[in-house]
């Protein structure tokens, strides 16, 4: 694993309801797992993609994500993706005008 930036975390660390943007795929996966890269590409999971965690199955070690479509990833695969968590809006709050 490469050094992560201060605001990055692994996708596998997110909880249900959290939204994030994928920032990168681990260099290990890029070097050693071309089939994994193809798998992620086929599902639209690439840097810049916004995802929301729908469900985490601790026993089955999977997580369900909403990207362009609903997807299920193993925790192992999710740990290969770095993300930046997006701030969650509090219900009923209106963003301040710019």
N, C-alpha and C. Protein backbone atom coordinates (compact mmCIF):
# COMPACT_ATOMS: atom_id res chain seq x y z
N UNK A 1 0.83 -1.19 0.00
CA UNK A 1 0.00 0.00 0.00
C UNK A 1 0.86 1.25 0.00
N UNK A 2 0.46 2.22 -0.73
CA UNK A 2 1.18 3.48 -0.74
C UNK A 2 0.69 4.33 0.43
N UNK A 3 1.40 5.39 0.68
CA UNK A 3 0.99 6.31 1.74
C UNK A 3 -0.28 7.03 1.31
N UNK A 4 -1.24 7.04 2.22
CA UNK A 4 -2.50 7.71 1.92
C UNK A 4 -2.42 9.17 2.32
N UNK A 5 -3.14 10.00 1.61
CA UNK A 5 -3.22 11.42 1.96
C UNK A 5 -4.04 11.57 3.24
N UNK A 6 -3.87 12.70 3.90
CA UNK A 6 -4.50 12.92 5.21
C UNK A 6 -6.02 12.74 5.18
N UNK A 7 -6.67 13.14 4.10
CA UNK A 7 -8.14 13.08 4.05
C UNK A 7 -8.66 11.80 3.41
N UNK A 8 -7.77 10.88 3.03
CA UNK A 8 -8.20 9.63 2.40
C UNK A 8 -8.38 8.52 3.42
N UNK A 9 -9.24 7.59 3.07
CA UNK A 9 -9.38 6.36 3.83
C UNK A 9 -9.76 5.25 2.87
N UNK A 10 -9.72 4.04 3.34
CA UNK A 10 -10.10 2.90 2.51
C UNK A 10 -11.63 2.86 2.40
N UNK A 11 -12.11 2.49 1.25
CA UNK A 11 -13.55 2.34 1.06
C UNK A 11 -14.13 1.39 2.10
N UNK A 12 -13.38 0.35 2.45
CA UNK A 12 -13.86 -0.64 3.42
C UNK A 12 -14.10 -0.05 4.81
N UNK A 13 -13.60 1.16 5.09
CA UNK A 13 -13.78 1.79 6.40
C UNK A 13 -15.09 2.58 6.50
N UNK A 14 -15.79 2.77 5.39
CA UNK A 14 -17.03 3.55 5.41
C UNK A 14 -18.16 2.75 6.03
N UNK A 15 -19.12 3.48 6.56
CA UNK A 15 -20.30 2.90 7.21
C UNK A 15 -21.53 3.17 6.33
N UNK A 16 -22.61 2.40 6.55
CA UNK A 16 -23.84 2.64 5.79
C UNK A 16 -24.29 4.09 5.90
N UNK A 17 -24.70 4.64 4.76
CA UNK A 17 -25.17 6.02 4.69
C UNK A 17 -24.08 7.02 4.34
N UNK A 18 -22.82 6.59 4.40
CA UNK A 18 -21.73 7.52 4.08
C UNK A 18 -21.50 7.56 2.58
N UNK A 19 -21.19 8.75 2.09
CA UNK A 19 -20.93 8.97 0.67
C UNK A 19 -19.49 9.43 0.53
N UNK A 20 -18.84 8.98 -0.53
CA UNK A 20 -17.44 9.33 -0.77
C UNK A 20 -17.17 9.36 -2.26
N UNK A 21 -16.02 9.91 -2.61
CA UNK A 21 -15.54 9.91 -3.98
C UNK A 21 -14.28 9.06 -4.03
N UNK A 22 -14.23 8.14 -4.99
CA UNK A 22 -13.03 7.31 -5.15
C UNK A 22 -11.89 8.21 -5.64
N UNK A 23 -10.74 8.13 -4.97
CA UNK A 23 -9.60 8.95 -5.36
C UNK A 23 -8.54 8.14 -6.09
N UNK A 24 -8.38 6.87 -5.70
CA UNK A 24 -7.40 6.04 -6.41
C UNK A 24 -7.56 4.58 -6.06
N UNK A 25 -6.92 3.76 -6.88
CA UNK A 25 -6.87 2.31 -6.70
C UNK A 25 -5.46 1.99 -6.27
N UNK A 26 -5.30 1.10 -5.29
CA UNK A 26 -3.97 0.83 -4.76
C UNK A 26 -3.00 0.40 -5.85
N UNK A 27 -1.76 0.81 -5.69
CA UNK A 27 -0.72 0.46 -6.67
C UNK A 27 -0.52 -1.05 -6.73
N UNK A 28 -0.71 -1.73 -5.60
CA UNK A 28 -0.57 -3.19 -5.58
C UNK A 28 -1.58 -3.81 -6.55
N UNK A 29 -2.82 -3.35 -6.49
CA UNK A 29 -3.85 -3.87 -7.40
C UNK A 29 -3.50 -3.55 -8.84
N UNK A 30 -2.98 -2.35 -9.08
CA UNK A 30 -2.63 -1.96 -10.44
C UNK A 30 -1.51 -2.83 -11.01
N UNK A 31 -0.53 -3.15 -10.17
CA UNK A 31 0.61 -3.95 -10.62
C UNK A 31 0.30 -5.43 -10.72
N UNK A 32 -0.40 -5.94 -9.72
CA UNK A 32 -0.49 -7.39 -9.56
C UNK A 32 -1.85 -8.00 -9.89
N UNK A 33 -2.84 -7.18 -10.16
CA UNK A 33 -4.18 -7.75 -10.34
C UNK A 33 -4.94 -7.12 -11.50
N UNK A 34 -4.43 -7.29 -12.73
CA UNK A 34 -5.18 -6.75 -13.88
C UNK A 34 -6.65 -7.21 -13.92
N UNK A 35 -6.97 -8.48 -13.53
CA UNK A 35 -8.39 -8.86 -13.55
C UNK A 35 -9.22 -8.01 -12.58
N UNK A 36 -8.64 -7.64 -11.44
CA UNK A 36 -9.35 -6.78 -10.49
C UNK A 36 -9.60 -5.41 -11.10
N UNK A 37 -8.60 -4.87 -11.77
CA UNK A 37 -8.78 -3.57 -12.43
C UNK A 37 -9.90 -3.62 -13.46
N UNK A 38 -9.96 -4.70 -14.22
CA UNK A 38 -11.02 -4.87 -15.22
C UNK A 38 -12.38 -4.98 -14.53
N UNK A 39 -12.44 -5.73 -13.44
CA UNK A 39 -13.67 -5.91 -12.66
C UNK A 39 -14.18 -4.54 -12.19
N UNK A 40 -13.29 -3.74 -11.62
CA UNK A 40 -13.67 -2.41 -11.13
C UNK A 40 -14.11 -1.50 -12.28
N UNK A 41 -13.36 -1.54 -13.38
CA UNK A 41 -13.69 -0.73 -14.56
C UNK A 41 -15.07 -1.10 -15.11
N UNK A 42 -15.33 -2.40 -15.20
CA UNK A 42 -16.62 -2.87 -15.73
C UNK A 42 -17.79 -2.38 -14.89
N UNK A 43 -17.54 -2.10 -13.62
CA UNK A 43 -18.59 -1.65 -12.70
C UNK A 43 -18.58 -0.13 -12.51
N UNK A 44 -17.72 0.55 -13.27
CA UNK A 44 -17.68 2.01 -13.20
C UNK A 44 -17.00 2.55 -11.96
N UNK A 45 -16.22 1.72 -11.27
CA UNK A 45 -15.53 2.15 -10.06
C UNK A 45 -14.12 2.59 -10.40
N UNK A 46 -13.96 3.90 -10.54
CA UNK A 46 -12.68 4.48 -10.93
C UNK A 46 -12.53 5.82 -10.22
N UNK A 47 -11.34 6.38 -10.18
CA UNK A 47 -11.17 7.68 -9.54
C UNK A 47 -12.17 8.71 -10.09
N UNK A 48 -12.78 9.44 -9.16
CA UNK A 48 -13.78 10.43 -9.52
C UNK A 48 -15.21 9.94 -9.35
N UNK A 49 -15.40 8.63 -9.21
CA UNK A 49 -16.74 8.07 -9.05
C UNK A 49 -17.24 8.31 -7.63
N UNK A 50 -18.47 8.79 -7.54
CA UNK A 50 -19.10 9.02 -6.24
C UNK A 50 -19.89 7.78 -5.85
N UNK A 51 -19.72 7.32 -4.62
CA UNK A 51 -20.42 6.13 -4.15
C UNK A 51 -21.07 6.41 -2.80
N UNK A 52 -22.13 5.68 -2.52
CA UNK A 52 -22.77 5.73 -1.20
C UNK A 52 -22.88 4.30 -0.69
N UNK A 53 -22.44 4.08 0.54
CA UNK A 53 -22.53 2.75 1.14
C UNK A 53 -23.98 2.53 1.58
N UNK A 54 -24.58 1.46 1.09
CA UNK A 54 -25.95 1.13 1.44
C UNK A 54 -26.02 0.18 2.63
N UNK A 55 -25.11 -0.80 2.64
CA UNK A 55 -25.18 -1.85 3.66
C UNK A 55 -23.79 -2.45 3.84
N UNK A 56 -23.48 -2.84 5.08
CA UNK A 56 -22.23 -3.54 5.36
C UNK A 56 -22.60 -4.84 6.06
N UNK A 57 -22.13 -5.96 5.52
CA UNK A 57 -22.36 -7.28 6.10
C UNK A 57 -21.07 -7.72 6.77
N UNK A 58 -21.00 -7.55 8.09
CA UNK A 58 -19.78 -7.88 8.84
C UNK A 58 -19.48 -9.38 8.80
N UNK A 59 -20.51 -10.21 8.82
CA UNK A 59 -20.29 -11.65 8.82
C UNK A 59 -19.86 -12.13 7.44
N UNK A 60 -20.55 -11.70 6.41
CA UNK A 60 -20.20 -12.09 5.04
C UNK A 60 -19.02 -11.32 4.48
N UNK A 61 -18.61 -10.26 5.21
CA UNK A 61 -17.47 -9.42 4.82
C UNK A 61 -17.65 -8.83 3.43
N UNK A 62 -18.85 -8.24 3.23
CA UNK A 62 -19.15 -7.56 1.96
C UNK A 62 -19.78 -6.20 2.27
N UNK A 63 -19.79 -5.35 1.26
CA UNK A 63 -20.50 -4.08 1.38
C UNK A 63 -21.27 -3.82 0.10
N UNK A 64 -22.45 -3.26 0.27
CA UNK A 64 -23.29 -2.92 -0.88
C UNK A 64 -23.17 -1.41 -1.10
N UNK A 65 -22.89 -1.03 -2.33
CA UNK A 65 -22.68 0.37 -2.70
C UNK A 65 -23.66 0.79 -3.77
N UNK A 66 -23.98 2.07 -3.75
CA UNK A 66 -24.72 2.67 -4.85
C UNK A 66 -23.75 3.56 -5.61
N UNK A 67 -23.50 3.23 -6.85
CA UNK A 67 -22.70 4.07 -7.74
C UNK A 67 -23.65 4.37 -8.89
N UNK A 68 -23.26 4.08 -10.11
CA UNK A 68 -24.19 4.20 -11.23
C UNK A 68 -25.30 3.16 -11.10
N UNK A 69 -24.97 2.07 -10.40
CA UNK A 69 -25.94 1.02 -10.11
C UNK A 69 -25.59 0.43 -8.75
N UNK A 70 -26.42 -0.45 -8.23
CA UNK A 70 -26.18 -1.09 -6.95
C UNK A 70 -25.16 -2.20 -7.14
N UNK A 71 -24.11 -2.20 -6.30
CA UNK A 71 -23.03 -3.17 -6.42
C UNK A 71 -22.72 -3.78 -5.06
N UNK A 72 -22.20 -5.00 -5.07
CA UNK A 72 -21.70 -5.61 -3.84
C UNK A 72 -20.23 -5.93 -4.04
N UNK A 73 -19.40 -5.48 -3.09
CA UNK A 73 -17.96 -5.74 -3.13
C UNK A 73 -17.53 -6.47 -1.87
N UNK A 74 -16.52 -7.31 -2.00
CA UNK A 74 -15.92 -7.91 -0.81
C UNK A 74 -15.14 -6.83 -0.07
N UNK A 75 -14.96 -7.02 1.23
CA UNK A 75 -14.15 -6.06 1.99
C UNK A 75 -12.73 -6.02 1.45
N UNK A 76 -12.23 -7.17 0.98
CA UNK A 76 -10.87 -7.21 0.42
C UNK A 76 -10.76 -6.30 -0.80
N UNK A 77 -11.74 -6.37 -1.69
CA UNK A 77 -11.73 -5.50 -2.86
C UNK A 77 -11.92 -4.04 -2.45
N UNK A 78 -12.84 -3.78 -1.53
CA UNK A 78 -13.09 -2.41 -1.07
C UNK A 78 -11.84 -1.80 -0.43
N UNK A 79 -11.01 -2.63 0.18
CA UNK A 79 -9.80 -2.12 0.83
C UNK A 79 -8.75 -1.66 -0.18
N UNK A 80 -8.93 -2.00 -1.44
CA UNK A 80 -7.99 -1.59 -2.50
C UNK A 80 -8.32 -0.21 -3.06
N UNK A 81 -9.46 0.36 -2.65
CA UNK A 81 -9.89 1.66 -3.16
C UNK A 81 -9.74 2.72 -2.08
N UNK A 82 -9.07 3.82 -2.42
CA UNK A 82 -8.98 4.97 -1.52
C UNK A 82 -10.10 5.93 -1.87
N UNK A 83 -10.68 6.52 -0.83
CA UNK A 83 -11.79 7.45 -1.03
C UNK A 83 -11.61 8.68 -0.14
N UNK A 84 -12.34 9.72 -0.47
CA UNK A 84 -12.46 10.90 0.39
C UNK A 84 -13.94 10.98 0.75
N UNK A 85 -14.21 10.93 2.04
CA UNK A 85 -15.58 11.00 2.53
C UNK A 85 -16.15 12.39 2.27
N UNK A 86 -17.39 12.43 1.78
CA UNK A 86 -18.07 13.70 1.55
C UNK A 86 -18.88 14.05 2.79
N UNK A 87 -18.96 15.33 3.10
CA UNK A 87 -19.72 15.76 4.28
C UNK A 87 -21.17 15.38 4.10
N UNK A 88 -21.74 14.86 5.16
CA UNK A 88 -23.15 14.50 5.12
C UNK A 88 -23.98 15.72 5.50
N UNK A 89 -25.02 15.96 4.73
CA UNK A 89 -25.93 17.06 5.05
C UNK A 89 -26.84 16.61 6.17
N UNK A 90 -27.06 17.49 7.11
CA UNK A 90 -28.00 17.19 8.18
C UNK A 90 -29.41 17.38 7.63
N UNK A 91 -30.33 16.48 8.00
CA UNK A 91 -31.71 16.63 7.51
C UNK A 91 -32.26 18.00 7.87
N UNK A 92 -32.94 18.61 6.91
CA UNK A 92 -33.58 19.88 7.16
C UNK A 92 -32.69 21.10 7.01
N UNK A 93 -31.41 20.89 6.81
CA UNK A 93 -30.51 22.04 6.65
C UNK A 93 -30.48 22.47 5.20
N UNK A 94 -30.47 23.75 5.02
CA UNK A 94 -30.39 24.31 3.67
C UNK A 94 -29.00 24.89 3.52
N UNK A 95 -28.29 24.54 2.44
CA UNK A 95 -26.95 25.10 2.25
C UNK A 95 -27.01 26.63 2.18
N UNK A 96 -26.01 27.26 2.73
CA UNK A 96 -25.93 28.73 2.70
C UNK A 96 -25.72 29.18 1.26
N UNK A 97 -26.34 30.30 0.87
CA UNK A 97 -26.13 30.80 -0.50
C UNK A 97 -24.69 31.25 -0.69
N UNK A 98 -24.22 31.15 -1.91
CA UNK A 98 -22.83 31.54 -2.22
C UNK A 98 -22.80 32.90 -2.85
